[in-house]
C-alpha atoms as a PDB file:
ATOM      1  CA  MET A   1      14.958  65.363 -16.425  1.00  0.00           C
ATOM      2  CA  ASP A   2      15.423  62.204 -14.212  1.00  0.00           C
ATOM      3  CA  ASP A   3      16.445  58.724 -14.932  1.00  0.00           C
ATOM      4  CA  LEU A   4      13.007  57.421 -15.144  1.00  0.00           C
ATOM      5  CA  GLN A   5      11.781  60.099 -17.318  1.00  0.00           C
ATOM      6  CA  THR A   6      14.941  59.576 -19.723  1.00  0.00           C
ATOM      7  CA  LEU A   7      13.907  55.888 -20.104  1.00  0.00           C
ATOM      8  CA  ARG A   8      10.044  56.531 -20.540  1.00  0.00           C
ATOM      9  CA  ALA A   9      11.351  58.810 -23.531  1.00  0.00           C
ATOM     10  CA  ALA A  10      13.599  56.121 -25.531  1.00  0.00           C
ATOM     11  CA  LEU A  11      11.103  53.902 -24.899  1.00  0.00           C
ATOM     12  CA  ARG A  12       8.710  55.695 -27.244  1.00  0.00           C
ATOM     13  CA  THR A  13       7.214  54.622 -30.155  1.00  0.00           C
ATOM     14  CA  ASP A  14       7.663  57.946 -31.838  1.00  0.00           C
ATOM     15  CA  GLU A  15      11.757  58.685 -33.171  1.00  0.00           C
ATOM     16  CA  PRO A  16      13.558  59.946 -29.938  1.00  0.00           C
ATOM     17  CA  ALA A  17      15.537  63.300 -29.914  1.00  0.00           C
ATOM     18  CA  GLN A  18      19.156  62.703 -30.327  1.00  0.00           C
ATOM     19  CA  ASP A  19      20.175  64.652 -27.072  1.00  0.00           C
ATOM     20  CA  VAL A  20      17.462  62.055 -24.787  1.00  0.00           C
ATOM     21  CA  VAL A  21      19.650  59.630 -26.741  1.00  0.00           C
ATOM     22  CA  ASN A  22      23.084  60.605 -25.682  1.00  0.00           C
ATOM     23  CA  ARG A  23      22.146  61.344 -22.056  1.00  0.00           C
ATOM     24  CA  SER A  24      20.582  58.061 -21.716  1.00  0.00           C
ATOM     25  CA  ARG A  25      23.791  56.437 -23.196  1.00  0.00           C
ATOM     26  CA  HIS A  26      25.806  58.202 -21.342  1.00  0.00           C
ATOM     27  CA  ARG A  27      23.910  57.474 -17.860  1.00  0.00           C
ATOM     28  CA  LEU A  28      24.542  53.961 -18.473  1.00  0.00           C
ATOM     29  CA  GLN A  29      28.141  54.020 -19.578  1.00  0.00           C
ATOM     30  CA  ASN A  30      28.638  56.138 -16.337  1.00  0.00           C
ATOM     31  CA  HIS A  31      27.054  53.275 -14.159  1.00  0.00           C
ATOM     32  CA  MET A  32      28.850  50.629 -15.806  1.00  0.00           C
ATOM     33  CA  LEU A  33      31.955  52.563 -15.147  1.00  0.00           C
ATOM     34  CA  THR A  34      31.141  53.140 -11.167  1.00  0.00           C
ATOM     35  CA  GLY A  35      30.472  49.672 -10.968  1.00  0.00           C
ATOM     36  CA  ARG A  36      33.507  48.711 -12.270  1.00  0.00           C
ATOM     37  CA  ARG A  37      35.784  50.948 -10.003  1.00  0.00           C
ATOM     38  CA  LYS A  38      33.697  49.745  -6.586  1.00  0.00           C
ATOM     39  CA  ARG A  39      34.486  45.457  -8.173  1.00  0.00           C
ATOM     40  CA  THR A  40      37.218  44.470  -9.611  1.00  0.00           C
ATOM     41  CA  GLY A  41      37.523  40.906 -11.637  1.00  0.00           C
ATOM     42  CA  ARG A  42      35.429  38.971 -13.354  1.00  0.00           C
ATOM     43  CA  LEU A  43      32.489  38.206 -11.481  1.00  0.00           C
ATOM     44  CA  ALA A  44      32.087  42.067  -9.844  1.00  0.00           C
ATOM     45  CA  VAL A  45      31.840  43.348 -13.418  1.00  0.00           C
ATOM     46  CA  GLY A  46      29.529  40.537 -14.374  1.00  0.00           C
ATOM     47  CA  ALA A  47      27.256  40.979 -10.954  1.00  0.00           C
ATOM     48  CA  GLY A  48      27.002  45.206 -12.235  1.00  0.00           C
ATOM     49  CA  LEU A  49      25.780  44.175 -15.122  1.00  0.00           C
ATOM     50  CA  VAL A  50      23.131  41.748 -13.964  1.00  0.00           C
ATOM     51  CA  ALA A  51      21.901  44.551 -11.381  1.00  0.00           C
ATOM     52  CA  VAL A  52      21.488  46.963 -13.968  1.00  0.00           C
ATOM     53  CA  ALA A  53      19.305  44.867 -16.638  1.00  0.00           C
ATOM     54  CA  ALA A  54      17.351  43.797 -13.619  1.00  0.00           C
ATOM     55  CA  ALA A  55      16.602  47.226 -12.407  1.00  0.00           C
ATOM     56  CA  ALA A  56      15.956  48.334 -16.064  1.00  0.00           C
ATOM     57  CA  ALA A  57      13.408  45.085 -16.317  1.00  0.00           C
ATOM     58  CA  VAL A  58      11.546  46.652 -13.061  1.00  0.00           C
ATOM     59  CA  VAL A  59      11.207  49.678 -14.658  1.00  0.00           C
ATOM     60  CA  VAL A  60      10.167  48.514 -17.922  1.00  0.00           C
ATOM     61  CA  ALA A  61       7.436  46.336 -15.984  1.00  0.00           C
ATOM     62  CA  THR A  62       6.180  49.172 -14.575  1.00  0.00           C
ATOM     63  CA  LEU A  63       5.647  51.264 -17.427  1.00  0.00           C
ATOM     64  CA  PRO A  64       1.904  52.059 -18.695  1.00  0.00           C
ATOM     65  CA  GLY A  65       1.408  49.873 -21.579  1.00  0.00           C
ATOM     66  CA  THR A  66       3.999  47.152 -20.782  1.00  0.00           C
ATOM     67  CA  PRO A  67       2.487  43.595 -21.069  1.00  0.00           C
ATOM     68  CA  ALA A  68       2.201  41.775 -18.060  1.00  0.00           C
ATOM     69  CA  PRO A  69       4.639  38.259 -17.974  1.00  0.00           C
ATOM     70  CA  ALA A  70       3.260  34.847 -18.683  1.00  0.00           C
ATOM     71  CA  PRO A  71       2.164  33.103 -16.024  1.00  0.00           C
ATOM     72  CA  PRO A  72       4.514  30.017 -15.348  1.00  0.00           C
ATOM     73  CA  PRO A  73       3.148  26.349 -16.857  1.00  0.00           C
ATOM     74  CA  ALA A  74       0.776  24.516 -14.641  1.00  0.00           C
ATOM     75  CA  PRO A  75       2.465  21.390 -12.745  1.00  0.00           C
ATOM     76  CA  GLN A  76       1.295  18.169 -14.598  1.00  0.00           C
ATOM     77  CA  ALA A  77       0.102  15.814 -12.513  1.00  0.00           C
ATOM     78  CA  ALA A  78       2.631  12.745 -12.122  1.00  0.00           C
ATOM     79  CA  ALA A  79       0.854   9.738 -13.834  1.00  0.00           C
ATOM     80  CA  PRO A  80      -0.062   6.704 -11.859  1.00  0.00           C
ATOM     81  CA  VAL A  81       2.683   4.108 -10.637  1.00  0.00           C
ATOM     82  CA  ALA A  82       1.027   0.658 -11.846  1.00  0.00           C
ATOM     83  CA  VAL A  83       2.049  -1.987  -8.782  1.00  0.00           C
ATOM     84  CA  THR A  84       2.326  -5.720  -9.700  1.00  0.00           C
ATOM     85  CA  GLY A  85       0.741  -8.713  -7.448  1.00  0.00           C
ATOM     86  CA  GLN A  86       4.133  -9.312  -6.157  1.00  0.00           C
ATOM     87  CA  GLU A  87       4.612  -5.351  -5.042  1.00  0.00           C
ATOM     88  CA  VAL A  88       1.575  -5.648  -3.139  1.00  0.00           C
ATOM     89  CA  LEU A  89       2.539  -8.917  -1.272  1.00  0.00           C
ATOM     90  CA  LEU A  90       6.217  -7.688  -0.624  1.00  0.00           C
ATOM     91  CA  ALA A  91       5.100  -4.615   1.069  1.00  0.00           C
ATOM     92  CA  ALA A  92       1.928  -6.274   2.742  1.00  0.00           C
ATOM     93  CA  ALA A  93       4.972  -8.624   4.053  1.00  0.00           C
ATOM     94  CA  THR A  94       7.058  -5.515   5.123  1.00  0.00           C
ATOM     95  CA  VAL A  95       3.804  -3.905   7.133  1.00  0.00           C
ATOM     96  CA  ALA A  96       3.272  -7.758   8.906  1.00  0.00           C
ATOM     97  CA  ALA A  97       6.570  -8.032   9.829  1.00  0.00           C
ATOM     98  CA  ARG A  98       7.194  -4.642  11.946  1.00  0.00           C
ATOM     99  CA  THR A  99       3.741  -5.214  13.533  1.00  0.00           C
ATOM    100  CA  PRO A 100       3.859  -5.414  17.168  1.00  0.00           C
ATOM    101  CA  ALA A 101       2.796  -9.120  18.601  1.00  0.00           C
ATOM    102  CA  SER A 102      -0.285  -8.948  20.439  1.00  0.00           C
ATOM    103  CA  THR A 103      -1.886 -11.611  22.649  1.00  0.00           C
ATOM    104  CA  GLY A 104      -5.404 -12.279  24.650  1.00  0.00           C
ATOM    105  CA  THR A 105      -7.618 -14.830  25.985  1.00  0.00           C
ATOM    106  CA  TYR A 106      -9.371 -15.707  23.058  1.00  0.00           C
ATOM    107  CA  TRP A 107      -8.356 -15.513  19.127  1.00  0.00           C
ATOM    108  CA  HIS A 108     -11.611 -13.905  17.752  1.00  0.00           C
ATOM    109  CA  ILE A 109     -12.934 -14.154  14.209  1.00  0.00           C
ATOM    110  CA  LYS A 110     -15.483 -12.541  12.489  1.00  0.00           C
ATOM    111  CA  ILE A 111     -16.723 -13.667   8.876  1.00  0.00           C
ATOM    112  CA  ALA A 112     -19.231 -11.559   7.083  1.00  0.00           C
ATOM    113  CA  GLU A 113     -21.137 -12.754   4.002  1.00  0.00           C
ATOM    114  CA  SER A 114     -24.722 -13.144   3.577  1.00  0.00           C
ATOM    115  CA  GLU A 115     -25.080 -14.167   7.571  1.00  0.00           C
ATOM    116  CA  THR A 116     -22.481 -12.889  10.393  1.00  0.00           C
ATOM    117  CA  TYR A 117     -21.046 -15.941  12.502  1.00  0.00           C
ATOM    118  CA  GLU A 118     -17.916 -15.558  14.993  1.00  0.00           C
ATOM    119  CA  TYR A 119     -15.643 -18.054  16.612  1.00  0.00           C
ATOM    120  CA  TRP A 120     -13.601 -17.514  19.918  1.00  0.00           C
ATOM    121  CA  THR A 121     -10.882 -20.128  20.565  1.00  0.00           C
ATOM    122  CA  LYS A 122      -8.555 -20.317  23.556  1.00  0.00           C
ATOM    123  CA  ALA A 123      -5.474 -21.210  23.845  1.00  0.00           C
ATOM    124  CA  ASP A 124      -6.112 -24.992  24.786  1.00  0.00           C
ATOM    125  CA  GLY A 125      -8.547 -25.405  21.439  1.00  0.00           C
ATOM    126  CA  GLN A 126     -11.392 -24.823  23.411  1.00  0.00           C
ATOM    127  CA  LYS A 127     -14.244 -22.663  20.976  1.00  0.00           C
ATOM    128  CA  TRP A 128     -17.256 -20.735  21.335  1.00  0.00           C
ATOM    129  CA  PHE A 129     -19.744 -19.865  18.170  1.00  0.00           C
ATOM    130  CA  ARG A 130     -22.066 -17.426  17.393  1.00  0.00           C
ATOM    131  CA  GLY A 131     -23.920 -16.950  14.684  1.00  0.00           C
ATOM    132  CA  ALA A 132     -28.021 -17.747  12.835  1.00  0.00           C
ATOM    133  CA  LYS A 133     -27.695 -21.435  14.039  1.00  0.00           C
ATOM    134  CA  THR A 134     -27.486 -20.344  17.578  1.00  0.00           C
ATOM    135  CA  GLY A 135     -29.978 -17.893  17.383  1.00  0.00           C
ATOM    136  CA  ASN A 136     -26.797 -15.190  17.458  1.00  0.00           C
ATOM    137  CA  ARG A 137     -26.153 -16.261  20.895  1.00  0.00           C
ATOM    138  CA  VAL A 138     -22.737 -17.647  22.153  1.00  0.00           C
ATOM    139  CA  VAL A 139     -22.468 -21.059  23.160  1.00  0.00           C
ATOM    140  CA  SER A 140     -19.890 -23.743  23.855  1.00  0.00           C
ATOM    141  CA  LEU A 141     -18.684 -26.266  20.781  1.00  0.00           C
ATOM    142  CA  MET A 142     -19.535 -29.904  22.678  1.00  0.00           C
ATOM    143  CA  SER A 143     -16.351 -31.092  20.599  1.00  0.00           C
ATOM    144  CA  PRO A 144     -13.954 -28.770  20.259  1.00  0.00           C
ATOM    145  CA  THR A 145     -11.825 -28.811  17.197  1.00  0.00           C
ATOM    146  CA  PRO A 146      -7.939 -27.416  16.630  1.00  0.00           C
ATOM    147  CA  PHE A 147      -7.116 -25.062  13.757  1.00  0.00           C
ATOM    148  CA  ARG A 148      -7.255 -26.009  10.644  1.00  0.00           C
ATOM    149  CA  LEU A 149      -3.966 -24.852   8.238  1.00  0.00           C
ATOM    150  CA  GLY A 150      -4.605 -26.030   4.751  1.00  0.00           C
ATOM    151  CA  GLY A 151      -7.274 -28.180   6.060  1.00  0.00           C
ATOM    152  CA  ALA A 152      -4.561 -30.381   8.212  1.00  0.00           C
ATOM    153  CA  GLU A 153      -5.321 -30.036  12.242  1.00  0.00           C
ATOM    154  CA  VAL A 154      -2.939 -27.761  14.281  1.00  0.00           C
ATOM    155  CA  THR A 155      -2.548 -26.601  17.582  1.00  0.00           C
ATOM    156  CA  MET A 156      -2.197 -23.187  18.990  1.00  0.00           C
ATOM    157  CA  ASP A 157       1.345 -24.125  19.878  1.00  0.00           C
ATOM    158  CA  GLN A 158       2.274 -25.414  16.740  1.00  0.00           C
ATOM    159  CA  ILE A 159       1.394 -22.032  15.130  1.00  0.00           C
ATOM    160  CA  LEU A 160       3.137 -19.880  17.160  1.00  0.00           C
ATOM    161  CA  ALA A 161       6.007 -21.959  16.102  1.00  0.00           C
ATOM    162  CA  LEU A 162       5.948 -21.894  12.534  1.00  0.00           C
ATOM    163  CA  PRO A 163       8.974 -21.105  10.508  1.00  0.00           C
ATOM    164  CA  ALA A 164       9.257 -17.343   9.396  1.00  0.00           C
ATOM    165  CA  GLU A 165      11.053 -18.121   6.157  1.00  0.00           C
ATOM    166  CA  PRO A 166       8.971 -18.671   3.374  1.00  0.00           C
ATOM    167  CA  ALA A 167      10.457 -21.790   1.974  1.00  0.00           C
ATOM    168  CA  ALA A 168      10.608 -23.220   5.077  1.00  0.00           C
ATOM    169  CA  LEU A 169       7.032 -22.352   5.635  1.00  0.00           C
ATOM    170  CA  ARG A 170       5.415 -23.425   3.147  1.00  0.00           C
ATOM    171  CA  ASP A 171       6.931 -27.279   2.809  1.00  0.00           C
ATOM    172  CA  TRP A 172       6.071 -27.489   6.942  1.00  0.00           C
ATOM    173  CA  ILE A 173       2.427 -26.696   5.602  1.00  0.00           C
ATOM    174  CA  ALA A 174       2.930 -29.091   2.908  1.00  0.00           C
ATOM    175  CA  ASP A 175       4.378 -32.015   5.067  1.00  0.00           C
ATOM    176  CA  ALA A 176       1.380 -31.593   7.679  1.00  0.00           C
ATOM    177  CA  VAL A 177      -1.133 -31.848   4.745  1.00  0.00           C
ATOM    178  CA  ALA A 178       0.567 -34.867   3.199  1.00  0.00           C
ATOM    179  CA  HIS A 179       0.699 -36.608   7.072  1.00  0.00           C
ATOM    180  CA  SER A 180      -2.904 -35.559   7.915  1.00  0.00           C
ATOM    181  CA  ASP A 181      -6.067 -37.532   7.296  1.00  0.00           C
ATOM    182  CA  ILE A 182      -7.601 -35.081   4.758  1.00  0.00           C
ATOM    183  CA  ARG A 183     -10.159 -36.506   2.464  1.00  0.00           C
ATOM    184  CA  THR A 184     -12.287 -35.781  -0.498  1.00  0.00           C
ATOM    185  CA  SER A 185     -15.427 -37.805  -1.743  1.00  0.00           C
ATOM    186  CA  ALA A 186     -13.120 -39.038  -4.450  1.00  0.00           C
ATOM    187  CA  GLY A 187     -10.973 -40.584  -1.693  1.00  0.00           C
ATOM    188  CA  PRO A 188      -7.015 -39.156  -0.562  1.00  0.00           C
ATOM    189  CA  LEU A 189      -6.169 -35.540  -2.120  1.00  0.00           C
ATOM    190  CA  THR A 190      -4.203 -35.763  -5.364  1.00  0.00           C
ATOM    191  CA  ALA A 191      -1.187 -33.861  -6.068  1.00  0.00           C
ATOM    192  CA  ASP A 192      -2.653 -30.510  -7.094  1.00  0.00           C
ATOM    193  CA  GLN A 193      -5.615 -30.405  -4.412  1.00  0.00           C
ATOM    194  CA  ARG A 194      -2.723 -31.361  -1.952  1.00  0.00           C
ATOM    195  CA  LYS A 195      -0.910 -28.450  -3.433  1.00  0.00           C
ATOM    196  CA  GLN A 196      -4.193 -26.364  -3.461  1.00  0.00           C
ATOM    197  CA  ALA A 197      -3.900 -27.189   0.036  1.00  0.00           C
ATOM    198  CA  VAL A 198      -1.035 -25.499   0.973  1.00  0.00           C
ATOM    199  CA  LEU A 199      -2.063 -22.027  -0.705  1.00  0.00           C
ATOM    200  CA  GLU A 200      -5.470 -22.355   1.088  1.00  0.00           C
ATOM    201  CA  GLY A 201      -2.816 -22.811   4.032  1.00  0.00           C
ATOM    202  CA  LEU A 202      -0.816 -19.879   3.299  1.00  0.00           C
ATOM    203  CA  VAL A 203      -4.390 -17.486   2.910  1.00  0.00           C
ATOM    204  CA  SER A 204      -5.344 -18.611   6.389  1.00  0.00           C
ATOM    205  CA  LEU A 205      -2.123 -17.410   8.169  1.00  0.00           C
ATOM    206  CA  VAL A 206      -2.518 -13.885   6.507  1.00  0.00           C
ATOM    207  CA  SER A 207      -6.312 -13.995   7.702  1.00  0.00           C
ATOM    208  CA  THR A 208      -8.447 -15.983   9.756  1.00  0.00           C
ATOM    209  CA  LEU A 209      -5.250 -17.531  12.068  1.00  0.00           C
ATOM    210  CA  PRO A 210      -3.446 -16.188  14.506  1.00  0.00           C
ATOM    211  CA  ALA A 211       0.031 -16.144  13.239  1.00  0.00           C
ATOM    212  CA  PRO A 212       2.733 -14.069  14.605  1.00  0.00           C
ATOM    213  CA  PRO A 213       3.989 -11.223  12.937  1.00  0.00           C
ATOM    214  CA  ALA A 214       7.143 -12.885  11.094  1.00  0.00           C
ATOM    215  CA  VAL A 215       4.967 -16.133  10.169  1.00  0.00           C
ATOM    216  CA  ARG A 216       2.307 -13.761   8.614  1.00  0.00           C
ATOM    217  CA  ALA A 217       5.410 -12.051   6.632  1.00  0.00           C
ATOM    218  CA  ALA A 218       6.777 -15.147   5.475  1.00  0.00           C
ATOM    219  CA  SER A 219       3.317 -16.339   4.482  1.00  0.00           C
ATOM    220  CA  PHE A 220       2.826 -13.098   1.799  1.00  0.00           C
ATOM    221  CA  ARG A 221       6.221 -13.385   0.741  1.00  0.00           C
ATOM    222  CA  ALA A 222       5.539 -17.349  -0.079  1.00  0.00           C
ATOM    223  CA  ILE A 223       1.868 -16.034  -1.917  1.00  0.00           C
ATOM    224  CA  ALA A 224       4.276 -13.716  -3.987  1.00  0.00           C
ATOM    225  CA  ALA A 225       6.218 -16.724  -5.217  1.00  0.00           C
ATOM    226  CA  TYR A 226       3.095 -18.066  -6.767  1.00  0.00           C
ATOM    227  CA  PRO A 227       3.089 -17.973 -10.988  1.00  0.00           C
ATOM    228  CA  GLY A 228       0.326 -15.440 -11.983  1.00  0.00           C
ATOM    229  CA  VAL A 229      -0.219 -13.314  -8.997  1.00  0.00           C
ATOM    230  CA  ARG A 230      -1.815 -10.402 -10.328  1.00  0.00           C
ATOM    231  CA  ALA A 231      -3.116  -6.971  -9.306  1.00  0.00           C
ATOM    232  CA  VAL A 232      -6.430  -6.237  -9.702  1.00  0.00           C
ATOM    233  CA  GLY A 233      -6.382  -2.270  -8.466  1.00  0.00           C
ATOM    234  CA  ALA A 234      -7.640  -0.348  -5.568  1.00  0.00           C
ATOM    235  CA  VAL A 235     -10.808  -1.674  -4.003  1.00  0.00           C
ATOM    236  CA  PRO A 236     -12.907  -1.621  -0.762  1.00  0.00           C
ATOM    237  CA  GLY A 237     -10.624  -2.536   1.755  1.00  0.00           C
ATOM    238  CA  GLY A 238      -7.613  -1.861   0.186  1.00  0.00           C
ATOM    239  CA  GLN A 239      -5.679  -3.861  -2.871  1.00  0.00           C
ATOM    240  CA  GLY A 240      -7.169  -6.599  -4.642  1.00  0.00           C
ATOM    241  CA  LEU A 241      -5.311  -9.485  -6.082  1.00  0.00           C
ATOM    242  CA  GLN A 242      -6.144 -12.711  -7.922  1.00  0.00           C
ATOM    243  CA  VAL A 243      -3.951 -15.424  -6.774  1.00  0.00           C
ATOM    244  CA  PRO A 244      -4.057 -18.405  -9.176  1.00  0.00           C
ATOM    245  CA  GLY A 245      -3.738 -21.828  -7.762  1.00  0.00           C
ATOM    246  CA  PRO A 246      -3.899 -25.873  -8.572  1.00  0.00           C
ATOM    247  CA  GLY A 247      -7.321 -25.969  -7.650  1.00  0.00           C
ATOM    248  CA  GLY A 248      -8.434 -22.637  -8.372  1.00  0.00           C
ATOM    249  CA  SER A 249      -7.844 -18.873  -8.137  1.00  0.00           C
ATOM    250  CA  ALA A 250      -8.617 -16.594  -5.153  1.00  0.00           C
ATOM    251  CA  LEU A 251      -9.852 -13.101  -4.881  1.00  0.00           C
ATOM    252  CA  LEU A 252      -7.777 -11.432  -1.839  1.00  0.00           C
ATOM    253  CA  VAL A 253      -8.006  -8.119  -0.465  1.00  0.00           C
ATOM    254  CA  VAL A 254      -4.891  -7.275   1.639  1.00  0.00           C
ATOM    255  CA  ASP A 255      -5.384  -3.783   3.705  1.00  0.00           C
ATOM    256  CA  PRO A 256      -1.574  -2.032   3.272  1.00  0.00           C
ATOM    257  CA  ALA A 257      -2.423  -0.534   6.839  1.00  0.00           C
ATOM    258  CA  THR A 258      -2.752  -3.759   9.098  1.00  0.00           C
ATOM    259  CA  GLY A 259      -0.786  -6.164   6.390  1.00  0.00           C
ATOM    260  CA  ARG A 260      -3.575  -8.353   6.254  1.00  0.00           C
ATOM    261  CA  VAL A 261      -6.293 -10.166   4.337  1.00  0.00           C
ATOM    262  CA  ASN A 262      -9.822  -8.524   5.329  1.00  0.00           C
ATOM    263  CA  HIS A 263     -11.754  -9.792   2.394  1.00  0.00           C
ATOM    264  CA  THR A 264     -11.208 -13.186   0.564  1.00  0.00           C
ATOM    265  CA  SER A 265     -13.268 -15.304  -1.732  1.00  0.00           C
ATOM    266  CA  MET A 266     -11.789 -18.933  -0.177  1.00  0.00           C
ATOM    267  CA  TYR A 267     -11.240 -19.480   3.292  1.00  0.00           C
ATOM    268  CA  VAL A 268     -10.517 -22.692   5.359  1.00  0.00           C
ATOM    269  CA  THR A 269     -14.044 -22.955   7.863  1.00  0.00           C
ATOM    270  CA  ALA A 270     -13.029 -24.243  11.548  1.00  0.00           C
ATOM    271  CA  ASP A 271     -14.381 -27.994  10.291  1.00  0.00           C
ATOM    272  CA  GLY A 272     -11.791 -28.084   7.503  1.00  0.00           C
ATOM    273  CA  ALA A 273     -13.976 -27.133   4.504  1.00  0.00           C
ATOM    274  CA  VAL A 274     -13.207 -24.472   2.201  1.00  0.00           C
ATOM    275  CA  ALA A 275     -15.760 -22.057   1.355  1.00  0.00           C
ATOM    276  CA  GLN A 276     -15.999 -20.004  -1.719  1.00  0.00           C
ATOM    277  CA  ALA A 277     -17.752 -16.898  -1.758  1.00  0.00           C
ATOM    278  CA  ALA A 278     -19.669 -16.056  -4.965  1.00  0.00           C
ATOM    279  CA  GLU A 279     -18.121 -15.914  -8.426  1.00  0.00           C
ATOM    280  CA  GLY A 280     -16.344 -12.244  -8.386  1.00  0.00           C
ATOM    281  CA  THR A 281     -17.273 -11.590  -4.805  1.00  0.00           C
ATOM    282  CA  THR A 282     -15.645 -11.657  -1.177  1.00  0.00           C
ATOM    283  CA  VAL A 283     -16.510 -12.316   2.434  1.00  0.00           C
ATOM    284  CA  GLU A 284     -15.254  -9.962   5.153  1.00  0.00           C
ATOM    285  CA  ILE A 285     -13.060 -11.306   7.702  1.00  0.00           C
ATOM    286  CA  HIS A 286     -11.991  -9.499  10.976  1.00  0.00           C
ATOM    287  CA  ALA A 287      -9.818 -11.644  13.278  1.00  0.00           C
ATOM    288  CA  GLU A 288      -7.914 -10.279  16.508  1.00  0.00           C
ATOM    289  CA  TRP A 289      -6.735 -11.212  20.242  1.00  0.00           C
ATOM    290  CA  THR A 290      -9.402 -10.404  22.535  1.00  0.00           C
ATOM    291  CA  ASP A 291      -9.916 -11.135  26.017  1.00  0.00           C
ATOM    292  CA  ASN A 292     -13.625 -10.683  25.956  1.00  0.00           C
ATOM    293  CA  LEU A 293     -16.073 -13.414  25.775  1.00  0.00           C
ATOM    294  CA  PRO A 294     -19.463 -11.903  24.992  1.00  0.00           C
ATOM    295  CA  GLY A 295     -22.207 -13.123  27.036  1.00  0.00           C
END
């Protein structure tokens, strides 16, 4: 009788014959003694025992009627990690800071809401416009207006030279707004209106203005410092954010791949007016440098 037959006999449900038990015990003792003679020390003996146990387990697993081992438990999906508004903005700042600077002949802005219109602006402030008012033809503006930052007029050179530190950038915009001729129908801006204009300027720097990467990163960090900034989750176009300000909150959508706001419920137009999308909606903004002016 070989080893496999002996082990099968030992595992039968009926009482095994005594000679079978004796031979099995004798073979197992001989195997253990052989392992001791070949390897010395506690580790060698332990390894021999593990090998015997493993061999027995393989034999048992192949015997008829042996139940199959239970499958390992299925891995559980990781719980979604909640992110805050500040985390979204700071991550966008990191992406923006790493984005290579780009240049071109024209700064091109395309805004899509109920209708689509576009602006092309040269470094000297000359502008072209296309929209429903021009029958979708590109026309040169007779009285070119410079860029607007929080409503204050700024040049291309001023935008390119803005501070790349959040507090200094916020102070620069606040000073520009305070010394501008911005007015409402009721008169000069109030203190809260000036604060709101600063927030609008920061939003413009990450959406519609040709801010260098470091300035765009500083703008995201400055917005992140506003109290009450709240993430609203993934939305078409990126991560949605609610940014409260003294004059009302803005809904921003940050594209994590570009580090830019590509949808917003509030933006400053070329003439300095503040445009608001319908409640709960946003307008789509695409902004880039280009060397082409459509005919």
